Amino acid sequence: MVLRPCQHKSVNMSSMSASSLPPNSRVIYSSTHEPVSFREADRFLCWHSAMESEIIALHANDTWSLVPHEPSMNVVGCRWVYKIKRRADGTVEHYKARLVARGFSQQEGIDYLETFSLVVKPTTVRLVLAIAVSNCWQIRQLDVHNAFLNGSLQEVVYMQQPMGFVDPALPTHVCRLHKSLYCLKQAPRAWYK
């Protein structure tokens, strides 16, 4: 197994981070595989730093507010998904952690009303590329960082606090989502609007 150093960014998370491991027990090196669980990822500084960056982006976007949990709420779970982004030569560019909702536990009429999936037909893509080439136009790709966080939710959706980042002052509260997260049933529709 080849070990590569993780790039650790020092982030002050004072009251947000309530990780299961003390910071000095994490290792600096990570294997080249992507973790499948929070417990596995939290052992490495690079993955913990990636999760901190994601939480900072979510808080900066006012993605949720904490509210007291009530038994009548349908609370959607969440989980971390990890991906190693590589350069063209195969070296590690950065470690990416994404917080995703467990949308399969949403209930129609309660957590969501409509779904939508924007689909582009391959013939349309070929036509646009053919027109661009015949007119000698430059082709550029656009990547929107945390795209779904730009979609505001119309419905009231509650989610568990993310593992490793439970607010220590309000551990029994849940997140009332204001912005869409990946894997919510209405996320593509909210982003498209």
N, C-alpha and C. Protein backbone atom coordinates (compact mmCIF):
# COMPACT_ATOMS: atom_id res chain seq x y z
N MET A 1 0.85 -1.17 0.00
CA MET A 1 0.00 0.00 0.00
C MET A 1 0.90 1.24 0.00
N VAL A 2 0.63 2.15 -0.92
CA VAL A 2 1.40 3.38 -1.02
C VAL A 2 0.73 4.44 -0.16
N LEU A 3 1.52 5.14 0.64
CA LEU A 3 0.99 6.21 1.48
C LEU A 3 1.41 7.56 0.93
N ARG A 4 0.49 8.49 0.92
CA ARG A 4 0.78 9.84 0.45
C ARG A 4 0.45 10.82 1.57
N PRO A 5 1.23 11.89 1.67
CA PRO A 5 0.91 12.87 2.71
C PRO A 5 -0.37 13.61 2.34
N CYS A 6 -1.10 13.97 3.34
CA CYS A 6 -2.31 14.77 3.15
C CYS A 6 -1.95 16.23 3.35
N GLN A 7 -2.55 17.09 2.56
CA GLN A 7 -2.36 18.50 2.78
C GLN A 7 -3.32 18.94 3.87
N HIS A 8 -2.80 19.33 5.03
CA HIS A 8 -3.66 19.73 6.15
C HIS A 8 -3.73 21.24 6.19
N LYS A 9 -4.95 21.77 6.17
CA LYS A 9 -5.16 23.20 6.30
C LYS A 9 -5.64 23.47 7.71
N SER A 10 -5.04 24.40 8.37
CA SER A 10 -5.44 24.72 9.74
C SER A 10 -6.71 25.55 9.69
N VAL A 11 -7.78 25.01 10.28
CA VAL A 11 -9.07 25.68 10.27
C VAL A 11 -9.56 25.77 11.70
N ASN A 12 -10.03 26.94 12.11
CA ASN A 12 -10.55 27.11 13.45
C ASN A 12 -12.04 26.80 13.44
N MET A 13 -12.41 25.68 14.04
CA MET A 13 -13.79 25.25 14.05
C MET A 13 -14.37 25.29 15.46
N SER A 14 -13.72 25.90 16.39
CA SER A 14 -14.02 25.95 17.82
C SER A 14 -15.31 25.27 18.25
N SER A 15 -16.45 25.91 18.05
CA SER A 15 -17.69 25.36 18.60
C SER A 15 -18.38 24.38 17.66
N MET A 16 -18.02 24.36 16.37
CA MET A 16 -18.72 23.50 15.43
C MET A 16 -18.27 22.06 15.52
N SER A 17 -16.98 21.80 15.65
CA SER A 17 -16.46 20.46 15.55
C SER A 17 -16.53 19.72 16.87
N ALA A 18 -17.20 18.62 16.85
CA ALA A 18 -17.26 17.75 18.02
C ALA A 18 -16.87 16.36 17.57
N SER A 19 -15.72 16.24 16.92
CA SER A 19 -15.30 14.99 16.32
C SER A 19 -15.07 13.91 17.36
N SER A 20 -15.15 12.68 16.90
CA SER A 20 -15.00 11.54 17.79
C SER A 20 -13.55 11.32 18.20
N LEU A 21 -12.59 11.87 17.47
CA LEU A 21 -11.19 11.68 17.80
C LEU A 21 -10.55 12.99 18.22
N PRO A 22 -9.68 12.97 19.21
CA PRO A 22 -8.93 14.18 19.51
C PRO A 22 -7.97 14.48 18.37
N PRO A 23 -7.71 15.76 18.06
CA PRO A 23 -6.89 16.12 16.90
C PRO A 23 -5.51 15.47 16.89
N ASN A 24 -4.90 15.27 18.06
CA ASN A 24 -3.54 14.73 18.08
C ASN A 24 -3.50 13.23 17.82
N SER A 25 -4.64 12.55 17.74
CA SER A 25 -4.64 11.12 17.47
C SER A 25 -4.84 10.81 15.99
N ARG A 26 -5.02 11.83 15.16
CA ARG A 26 -5.17 11.60 13.72
C ARG A 26 -3.80 11.43 13.09
N VAL A 27 -3.74 10.61 12.06
CA VAL A 27 -2.48 10.41 11.36
C VAL A 27 -2.40 11.38 10.18
N ILE A 28 -1.17 11.67 9.79
CA ILE A 28 -0.96 12.64 8.72
C ILE A 28 -1.05 11.99 7.36
N TYR A 29 -0.81 10.69 7.28
CA TYR A 29 -0.80 10.00 6.00
C TYR A 29 -2.10 9.26 5.75
N SER A 30 -2.50 9.23 4.50
CA SER A 30 -3.72 8.52 4.11
C SER A 30 -3.38 7.58 2.97
N SER A 31 -4.03 6.45 2.94
CA SER A 31 -3.84 5.57 1.80
C SER A 31 -4.53 6.19 0.60
N THR A 32 -4.29 5.62 -0.55
CA THR A 32 -4.83 6.21 -1.77
C THR A 32 -6.26 5.78 -2.03
N HIS A 33 -6.89 5.08 -1.12
CA HIS A 33 -8.29 4.70 -1.32
C HIS A 33 -9.20 5.72 -0.62
N GLU A 34 -10.44 5.76 -1.09
CA GLU A 34 -11.42 6.68 -0.52
C GLU A 34 -12.14 5.98 0.62
N PRO A 35 -12.26 6.62 1.78
CA PRO A 35 -12.96 6.00 2.91
C PRO A 35 -14.44 5.79 2.61
N VAL A 36 -15.01 4.78 3.26
CA VAL A 36 -16.43 4.50 3.06
C VAL A 36 -17.27 4.90 4.26
N SER A 37 -16.63 5.31 5.34
CA SER A 37 -17.38 5.71 6.53
C SER A 37 -16.70 6.90 7.19
N PHE A 38 -17.48 7.61 8.01
CA PHE A 38 -16.94 8.75 8.75
C PHE A 38 -15.84 8.29 9.69
N ARG A 39 -16.06 7.17 10.35
CA ARG A 39 -15.08 6.67 11.32
C ARG A 39 -13.73 6.41 10.67
N GLU A 40 -13.76 5.86 9.48
CA GLU A 40 -12.52 5.59 8.75
C GLU A 40 -11.85 6.89 8.32
N ALA A 41 -12.63 7.84 7.81
CA ALA A 41 -12.08 9.11 7.31
C ALA A 41 -11.56 9.99 8.43
N ASP A 42 -12.21 9.97 9.57
CA ASP A 42 -11.85 10.87 10.66
C ASP A 42 -10.48 10.55 11.26
N ARG A 43 -9.90 9.43 10.91
CA ARG A 43 -8.57 9.08 11.40
C ARG A 43 -7.47 9.86 10.69
N PHE A 44 -7.80 10.51 9.56
CA PHE A 44 -6.79 11.17 8.75
C PHE A 44 -7.03 12.68 8.71
N LEU A 45 -5.96 13.43 8.87
CA LEU A 45 -6.05 14.90 8.86
C LEU A 45 -6.59 15.43 7.55
N CYS A 46 -6.18 14.82 6.43
CA CYS A 46 -6.61 15.34 5.13
C CYS A 46 -8.13 15.23 4.96
N TRP A 47 -8.72 14.12 5.39
CA TRP A 47 -10.16 13.96 5.26
C TRP A 47 -10.89 14.82 6.27
N HIS A 48 -10.35 14.94 7.47
CA HIS A 48 -11.00 15.80 8.47
C HIS A 48 -10.98 17.26 7.99
N SER A 49 -9.87 17.66 7.41
CA SER A 49 -9.76 19.02 6.86
C SER A 49 -10.76 19.24 5.72
N ALA A 50 -10.95 18.22 4.89
CA ALA A 50 -11.93 18.32 3.79
C ALA A 50 -13.34 18.45 4.34
N MET A 51 -13.65 17.72 5.42
CA MET A 51 -14.97 17.82 6.04
C MET A 51 -15.16 19.21 6.66
N GLU A 52 -14.12 19.74 7.29
CA GLU A 52 -14.20 21.08 7.87
C GLU A 52 -14.48 22.13 6.78
N SER A 53 -13.80 21.98 5.64
CA SER A 53 -14.03 22.92 4.53
C SER A 53 -15.47 22.86 4.04
N GLU A 54 -16.03 21.66 3.97
CA GLU A 54 -17.42 21.51 3.54
C GLU A 54 -18.37 22.15 4.55
N ILE A 55 -18.13 21.94 5.83
CA ILE A 55 -18.98 22.53 6.88
C ILE A 55 -18.89 24.05 6.84
N ILE A 56 -17.70 24.58 6.62
CA ILE A 56 -17.54 26.04 6.52
C ILE A 56 -18.35 26.58 5.35
N ALA A 57 -18.31 25.89 4.19
CA ALA A 57 -19.09 26.32 3.02
C ALA A 57 -20.59 26.27 3.32
N LEU A 58 -21.03 25.22 4.02
CA LEU A 58 -22.45 25.08 4.35
C LEU A 58 -22.89 26.20 5.30
N HIS A 59 -22.08 26.51 6.29
CA HIS A 59 -22.43 27.59 7.22
C HIS A 59 -22.37 28.96 6.55
N ALA A 60 -21.40 29.18 5.67
CA ALA A 60 -21.29 30.46 4.97
C ALA A 60 -22.48 30.69 4.06
N ASN A 61 -23.09 29.61 3.58
CA ASN A 61 -24.25 29.70 2.68
C ASN A 61 -25.58 29.71 3.42
N ASP A 62 -25.53 29.69 4.75
CA ASP A 62 -26.76 29.62 5.57
C ASP A 62 -27.64 28.46 5.11
N THR A 63 -27.03 27.30 5.00
CA THR A 63 -27.73 26.11 4.51
C THR A 63 -28.80 25.64 5.47
N TRP A 64 -28.57 25.79 6.79
CA TRP A 64 -29.55 25.35 7.78
C TRP A 64 -29.47 26.18 9.03
N SER A 65 -30.50 26.02 9.84
CA SER A 65 -30.49 26.57 11.20
C SER A 65 -30.91 25.44 12.12
N LEU A 66 -30.42 25.46 13.34
CA LEU A 66 -30.74 24.41 14.30
C LEU A 66 -32.04 24.73 15.01
N VAL A 67 -32.92 23.74 15.09
CA VAL A 67 -34.21 23.88 15.76
C VAL A 67 -34.41 22.69 16.70
N PRO A 68 -35.20 22.85 17.75
CA PRO A 68 -35.45 21.71 18.64
C PRO A 68 -36.18 20.58 17.92
N HIS A 69 -35.79 19.36 18.24
CA HIS A 69 -36.41 18.19 17.63
C HIS A 69 -37.77 17.92 18.27
N GLU A 70 -38.76 17.66 17.43
CA GLU A 70 -40.09 17.29 17.89
C GLU A 70 -40.44 15.93 17.31
N PRO A 71 -41.18 15.10 18.05
CA PRO A 71 -41.51 13.75 17.57
C PRO A 71 -42.27 13.72 16.25
N SER A 72 -43.02 14.78 15.93
CA SER A 72 -43.81 14.78 14.69
C SER A 72 -42.97 15.06 13.44
N MET A 73 -41.71 15.45 13.61
CA MET A 73 -40.85 15.78 12.46
C MET A 73 -40.37 14.52 11.75
N ASN A 74 -40.34 14.57 10.41
CA ASN A 74 -39.67 13.53 9.64
C ASN A 74 -38.23 14.01 9.44
N VAL A 75 -37.31 13.44 10.19
CA VAL A 75 -35.91 13.89 10.14
C VAL A 75 -35.14 13.00 9.18
N VAL A 76 -34.59 13.62 8.15
CA VAL A 76 -33.81 12.92 7.14
C VAL A 76 -32.39 12.76 7.67
N GLY A 77 -31.81 11.61 7.44
CA GLY A 77 -30.43 11.39 7.85
C GLY A 77 -29.46 12.03 6.87
N CYS A 78 -28.19 11.97 7.19
CA CYS A 78 -27.15 12.47 6.28
C CYS A 78 -25.92 11.60 6.44
N ARG A 79 -25.03 11.72 5.48
CA ARG A 79 -23.77 10.98 5.56
C ARG A 79 -22.71 11.72 4.77
N TRP A 80 -21.47 11.36 5.02
CA TRP A 80 -20.34 11.95 4.31
C TRP A 80 -19.95 11.05 3.14
N VAL A 81 -19.61 11.67 2.01
CA VAL A 81 -19.13 10.96 0.84
C VAL A 81 -17.75 11.53 0.51
N TYR A 82 -16.80 10.66 0.26
CA TYR A 82 -15.40 11.09 0.08
C TYR A 82 -14.92 10.75 -1.32
N LYS A 83 -14.12 11.67 -1.87
CA LYS A 83 -13.58 11.48 -3.22
C LYS A 83 -12.19 12.10 -3.28
N ILE A 84 -11.25 11.36 -3.87
CA ILE A 84 -9.91 11.89 -4.12
C ILE A 84 -9.91 12.47 -5.52
N LYS A 85 -9.65 13.75 -5.65
CA LYS A 85 -9.57 14.40 -6.95
C LYS A 85 -8.12 14.33 -7.42
N ARG A 86 -7.93 13.83 -8.63
CA ARG A 86 -6.57 13.62 -9.15
C ARG A 86 -6.30 14.50 -10.36
N ARG A 87 -5.02 14.79 -10.55
CA ARG A 87 -4.57 15.52 -11.74
C ARG A 87 -4.50 14.52 -12.91
N ALA A 88 -4.21 15.03 -14.09
CA ALA A 88 -4.13 14.17 -15.28
C ALA A 88 -3.04 13.12 -15.16
N ASP A 89 -1.97 13.42 -14.41
CA ASP A 89 -0.88 12.46 -14.25
C ASP A 89 -1.12 11.44 -13.14
N GLY A 90 -2.27 11.52 -12.47
CA GLY A 90 -2.62 10.55 -11.44
C GLY A 90 -2.26 10.96 -10.02
N THR A 91 -1.55 12.07 -9.85
CA THR A 91 -1.20 12.52 -8.50
C THR A 91 -2.42 13.16 -7.84
N VAL A 92 -2.42 13.17 -6.53
CA VAL A 92 -3.55 13.70 -5.78
C VAL A 92 -3.57 15.23 -5.85
N GLU A 93 -4.71 15.77 -6.32
CA GLU A 93 -4.88 17.23 -6.36
C GLU A 93 -5.43 17.71 -5.02
N HIS A 94 -6.53 17.10 -4.57
CA HIS A 94 -7.08 17.41 -3.25
C HIS A 94 -8.08 16.33 -2.83
N TYR A 95 -8.38 16.38 -1.54
CA TYR A 95 -9.33 15.44 -0.95
C TYR A 95 -10.65 16.17 -0.78
N LYS A 96 -11.73 15.56 -1.24
CA LYS A 96 -13.03 16.23 -1.22
C LYS A 96 -14.01 15.43 -0.38
N ALA A 97 -14.67 16.11 0.55
CA ALA A 97 -15.72 15.49 1.36
C ALA A 97 -17.01 16.25 1.09
N ARG A 98 -18.07 15.52 0.84
CA ARG A 98 -19.36 16.13 0.55
C ARG A 98 -20.39 15.59 1.54
N LEU A 99 -21.16 16.49 2.14
CA LEU A 99 -22.26 16.09 3.02
C LEU A 99 -23.50 15.90 2.16
N VAL A 100 -24.06 14.71 2.19
CA VAL A 100 -25.25 14.42 1.38
C VAL A 100 -26.39 13.98 2.29
N ALA A 101 -27.59 14.33 1.90
CA ALA A 101 -28.78 13.93 2.65
C ALA A 101 -29.18 12.53 2.22
N ARG A 102 -29.82 11.82 3.11
CA ARG A 102 -30.36 10.50 2.77
C ARG A 102 -31.79 10.70 2.29
N GLY A 103 -31.90 11.17 1.05
CA GLY A 103 -33.19 11.54 0.48
C GLY A 103 -34.18 10.41 0.35
N PHE A 104 -33.71 9.16 0.38
CA PHE A 104 -34.64 8.03 0.27
C PHE A 104 -35.61 7.97 1.43
N SER A 105 -35.31 8.66 2.54
CA SER A 105 -36.22 8.63 3.69
C SER A 105 -37.22 9.79 3.67
N GLN A 106 -37.18 10.61 2.61
CA GLN A 106 -38.15 11.70 2.48
C GLN A 106 -39.53 11.13 2.14
N GLN A 107 -40.57 11.85 2.55
CA GLN A 107 -41.93 11.42 2.29
C GLN A 107 -42.63 12.45 1.40
N GLU A 108 -43.18 11.97 0.30
CA GLU A 108 -43.86 12.86 -0.64
C GLU A 108 -45.03 13.56 0.05
N GLY A 109 -45.15 14.85 -0.19
CA GLY A 109 -46.21 15.64 0.43
C GLY A 109 -45.80 16.22 1.77
N ILE A 110 -44.76 15.67 2.38
CA ILE A 110 -44.26 16.19 3.66
C ILE A 110 -42.93 16.90 3.46
N ASP A 111 -41.93 16.16 2.95
CA ASP A 111 -40.59 16.72 2.73
C ASP A 111 -40.40 17.29 1.33
N TYR A 112 -41.18 16.82 0.38
CA TYR A 112 -41.04 17.33 -0.99
C TYR A 112 -42.37 17.22 -1.70
N LEU A 113 -42.55 18.11 -2.68
CA LEU A 113 -43.78 18.11 -3.46
C LEU A 113 -43.51 17.68 -4.90
N GLU A 114 -42.46 18.23 -5.49
CA GLU A 114 -42.12 17.93 -6.88
C GLU A 114 -40.67 17.53 -6.99
N THR A 115 -40.38 16.71 -7.98
CA THR A 115 -38.99 16.40 -8.32
C THR A 115 -38.75 16.84 -9.75
N PHE A 116 -37.50 16.92 -10.13
CA PHE A 116 -37.16 17.37 -11.48
C PHE A 116 -35.74 16.94 -11.77
N SER A 117 -35.50 16.48 -12.96
CA SER A 117 -34.15 16.12 -13.35
C SER A 117 -33.90 16.67 -14.75
N LEU A 118 -32.99 17.61 -14.83
CA LEU A 118 -32.64 18.21 -16.11
C LEU A 118 -31.79 17.23 -16.90
N VAL A 119 -32.24 16.87 -18.08
CA VAL A 119 -31.53 15.90 -18.90
C VAL A 119 -31.24 16.55 -20.25
N VAL A 120 -29.99 16.44 -20.68
CA VAL A 120 -29.60 16.93 -21.99
C VAL A 120 -29.37 15.73 -22.88
N LYS A 121 -30.00 15.72 -24.03
CA LYS A 121 -29.84 14.61 -24.96
C LYS A 121 -28.47 14.68 -25.62
N PRO A 122 -27.85 13.52 -25.86
CA PRO A 122 -26.53 13.51 -26.52
C PRO A 122 -26.55 14.18 -27.89
N THR A 123 -27.66 14.10 -28.61
CA THR A 123 -27.73 14.75 -29.92
C THR A 123 -27.64 16.27 -29.79
N THR A 124 -28.20 16.82 -28.71
CA THR A 124 -28.12 18.27 -28.49
C THR A 124 -26.68 18.68 -28.22
N VAL A 125 -25.96 17.90 -27.43
CA VAL A 125 -24.56 18.19 -27.12
C VAL A 125 -23.74 18.13 -28.40
N ARG A 126 -23.95 17.10 -29.22
CA ARG A 126 -23.20 16.98 -30.48
C ARG A 126 -23.50 18.16 -31.41
N LEU A 127 -24.76 18.59 -31.46
CA LEU A 127 -25.13 19.72 -32.31
C LEU A 127 -24.44 21.00 -31.86
N VAL A 128 -24.45 21.27 -30.57
CA VAL A 128 -23.80 22.48 -30.05
C VAL A 128 -22.30 22.44 -30.32
N LEU A 129 -21.66 21.28 -30.11
CA LEU A 129 -20.23 21.16 -30.39
C LEU A 129 -19.93 21.33 -31.88
N ALA A 130 -20.78 20.78 -32.74
CA ALA A 130 -20.57 20.92 -34.19
C ALA A 130 -20.68 22.39 -34.62
N ILE A 131 -21.66 23.10 -34.08
CA ILE A 131 -21.80 24.53 -34.40
C ILE A 131 -20.59 25.31 -33.92
N ALA A 132 -20.10 25.00 -32.70
CA ALA A 132 -18.94 25.70 -32.15
C ALA A 132 -17.69 25.45 -33.00
N VAL A 133 -17.50 24.21 -33.43
CA VAL A 133 -16.32 23.88 -34.24
C VAL A 133 -16.41 24.54 -35.61
N SER A 134 -17.58 24.50 -36.23
CA SER A 134 -17.72 25.09 -37.58
C SER A 134 -17.55 26.61 -37.57
N ASN A 135 -17.84 27.25 -36.43
CA ASN A 135 -17.68 28.70 -36.32
C ASN A 135 -16.38 29.11 -35.62
N CYS A 136 -15.52 28.13 -35.31
CA CYS A 136 -14.25 28.36 -34.63
C CYS A 136 -14.43 29.07 -33.28
N TRP A 137 -15.47 28.72 -32.58
CA TRP A 137 -15.72 29.29 -31.26
C TRP A 137 -14.90 28.53 -30.23
N GLN A 138 -14.54 29.25 -29.18
CA GLN A 138 -13.86 28.59 -28.07
C GLN A 138 -14.90 27.86 -27.22
N ILE A 139 -14.54 26.69 -26.73
CA ILE A 139 -15.43 25.91 -25.88
C ILE A 139 -14.85 25.92 -24.47
N ARG A 140 -15.67 26.29 -23.52
CA ARG A 140 -15.23 26.33 -22.12
C ARG A 140 -16.20 25.54 -21.26
N GLN A 141 -15.66 24.99 -20.21
CA GLN A 141 -16.47 24.23 -19.27
C GLN A 141 -16.68 25.09 -18.02
N LEU A 142 -17.87 25.02 -17.47
CA LEU A 142 -18.19 25.77 -16.26
C LEU A 142 -18.49 24.79 -15.15
N ASP A 143 -17.85 24.97 -14.03
CA ASP A 143 -18.10 24.13 -12.87
C ASP A 143 -18.54 25.04 -11.73
N VAL A 144 -19.72 24.82 -11.21
CA VAL A 144 -20.23 25.62 -10.10
C VAL A 144 -19.91 24.90 -8.81
N HIS A 145 -19.10 25.54 -7.95
CA HIS A 145 -18.71 24.94 -6.68
C HIS A 145 -19.92 24.87 -5.76
N ASN A 146 -20.20 23.68 -5.23
CA ASN A 146 -21.37 23.46 -4.37
C ASN A 146 -22.64 23.97 -5.04
N ALA A 147 -22.88 23.51 -6.26
CA ALA A 147 -23.98 24.00 -7.08
C ALA A 147 -25.33 23.94 -6.38
N PHE A 148 -25.66 22.83 -5.75
CA PHE A 148 -26.99 22.67 -5.16
C PHE A 148 -27.21 23.61 -3.99
N LEU A 149 -26.14 24.12 -3.38
CA LEU A 149 -26.32 25.06 -2.27
C LEU A 149 -26.87 26.40 -2.74
N ASN A 150 -26.93 26.60 -4.04
CA ASN A 150 -27.50 27.84 -4.58
C ASN A 150 -29.01 27.75 -4.76
N GLY A 151 -29.59 26.60 -4.47
CA GLY A 151 -31.03 26.42 -4.61
C GLY A 151 -31.73 26.53 -3.27
N SER A 152 -32.69 27.44 -3.17
CA SER A 152 -33.45 27.59 -1.92
C SER A 152 -34.62 26.62 -1.90
N LEU A 153 -34.85 26.03 -0.74
CA LEU A 153 -35.95 25.07 -0.60
C LEU A 153 -37.27 25.77 -0.35
N GLN A 154 -38.34 25.28 -0.96
CA GLN A 154 -39.68 25.78 -0.71
C GLN A 154 -40.34 25.00 0.43
N GLU A 155 -39.99 23.72 0.55
CA GLU A 155 -40.57 22.84 1.56
C GLU A 155 -39.78 22.92 2.86
N VAL A 156 -40.39 22.46 3.93
CA VAL A 156 -39.72 22.39 5.22
C VAL A 156 -39.11 21.00 5.33
N VAL A 157 -37.77 20.95 5.41
CA VAL A 157 -37.05 19.69 5.50
C VAL A 157 -36.14 19.74 6.73
N TYR A 158 -36.20 18.67 7.53
CA TYR A 158 -35.34 18.57 8.71
C TYR A 158 -34.33 17.46 8.49
N MET A 159 -33.09 17.71 8.96
CA MET A 159 -32.01 16.74 8.78
C MET A 159 -31.24 16.61 10.09
N GLN A 160 -30.68 15.44 10.32
CA GLN A 160 -29.82 15.25 11.48
C GLN A 160 -28.59 16.13 11.35
N GLN A 161 -27.98 16.47 12.47
CA GLN A 161 -26.72 17.19 12.43
C GLN A 161 -25.64 16.25 11.88
N PRO A 162 -24.70 16.78 11.10
CA PRO A 162 -23.69 15.92 10.48
C PRO A 162 -22.79 15.24 11.51
N MET A 163 -22.50 13.98 11.27
CA MET A 163 -21.63 13.22 12.16
C MET A 163 -20.26 13.91 12.25
N GLY A 164 -19.78 14.07 13.46
CA GLY A 164 -18.49 14.71 13.69
C GLY A 164 -18.58 16.21 13.86
N PHE A 165 -19.74 16.80 13.55
CA PHE A 165 -19.90 18.25 13.63
C PHE A 165 -21.22 18.60 14.32
N VAL A 166 -21.55 17.84 15.35
CA VAL A 166 -22.74 18.11 16.14
C VAL A 166 -22.43 19.28 17.07
N ASP A 167 -23.32 20.27 17.10
CA ASP A 167 -23.12 21.43 17.95
C ASP A 167 -23.15 20.98 19.41
N PRO A 168 -22.05 21.15 20.17
CA PRO A 168 -22.01 20.67 21.55
C PRO A 168 -23.00 21.39 22.46
N ALA A 169 -23.39 22.61 22.12
CA ALA A 169 -24.35 23.35 22.94
C ALA A 169 -25.78 22.89 22.68
N LEU A 170 -26.05 22.34 21.48
CA LEU A 170 -27.40 21.92 21.10
C LEU A 170 -27.36 20.52 20.47
N PRO A 171 -26.93 19.50 21.20
CA PRO A 171 -26.75 18.18 20.59
C PRO A 171 -28.03 17.47 20.18
N THR A 172 -29.17 17.84 20.76
CA THR A 172 -30.43 17.16 20.42
C THR A 172 -31.22 17.90 19.35
N HIS A 173 -30.73 19.05 18.90
CA HIS A 173 -31.42 19.81 17.86
C HIS A 173 -31.20 19.17 16.49
N VAL A 174 -32.05 19.54 15.54
CA VAL A 174 -31.92 19.07 14.16
C VAL A 174 -31.76 20.28 13.25
N CYS A 175 -31.29 20.02 12.04
CA CYS A 175 -31.07 21.09 11.06
C CYS A 175 -32.35 21.31 10.26
N ARG A 176 -32.84 22.55 10.23
CA ARG A 176 -33.94 22.90 9.33
C ARG A 176 -33.27 23.47 8.09
N LEU A 177 -33.38 22.75 6.98
CA LEU A 177 -32.67 23.13 5.76
C LEU A 177 -33.34 24.32 5.08
N HIS A 178 -32.50 25.29 4.71
CA HIS A 178 -32.96 26.45 3.92
C HIS A 178 -32.50 26.32 2.47
N LYS A 179 -31.39 25.63 2.27
CA LYS A 179 -30.84 25.41 0.94
C LYS A 179 -30.83 23.91 0.67
N SER A 180 -30.81 23.56 -0.60
CA SER A 180 -30.84 22.14 -0.95
C SER A 180 -29.45 21.52 -0.77
N LEU A 181 -29.45 20.26 -0.44
CA LEU A 181 -28.23 19.46 -0.34
C LEU A 181 -28.30 18.35 -1.37
N TYR A 182 -27.16 17.83 -1.73
CA TYR A 182 -27.13 16.71 -2.66
C TYR A 182 -27.94 15.55 -2.09
N CYS A 183 -28.63 14.85 -2.97
CA CYS A 183 -29.44 13.65 -2.69
C CYS A 183 -30.81 13.95 -2.10
N LEU A 184 -31.16 15.21 -1.89
CA LEU A 184 -32.55 15.52 -1.56
C LEU A 184 -33.35 15.34 -2.86
N LYS A 185 -34.57 14.86 -2.74
CA LYS A 185 -35.38 14.59 -3.94
C LYS A 185 -35.66 15.86 -4.74
N GLN A 186 -35.77 17.00 -4.06
CA GLN A 186 -36.09 18.24 -4.77
C GLN A 186 -34.86 19.09 -5.09
N ALA A 187 -33.65 18.60 -4.81
CA ALA A 187 -32.43 19.39 -5.01
C ALA A 187 -32.24 19.84 -6.45
N PRO A 188 -32.37 18.97 -7.46
CA PRO A 188 -32.19 19.46 -8.83
C PRO A 188 -33.22 20.53 -9.22
N ARG A 189 -34.47 20.38 -8.77
CA ARG A 189 -35.48 21.37 -9.08
C ARG A 189 -35.16 22.72 -8.42
N ALA A 190 -34.74 22.68 -7.16
CA ALA A 190 -34.41 23.92 -6.44
C ALA A 190 -33.24 24.63 -7.11
N TRP A 191 -32.23 23.87 -7.53
CA TRP A 191 -31.06 24.47 -8.19
C TRP A 191 -31.46 25.04 -9.55
N TYR A 192 -32.29 24.31 -10.30
CA TYR A 192 -32.70 24.76 -11.63
C TYR A 192 -33.51 26.06 -11.55
N LYS A 193 -34.36 26.17 -10.51
CA LYS A 193 -35.15 27.40 -10.33
C LYS A 193 -34.26 28.58 -10.05
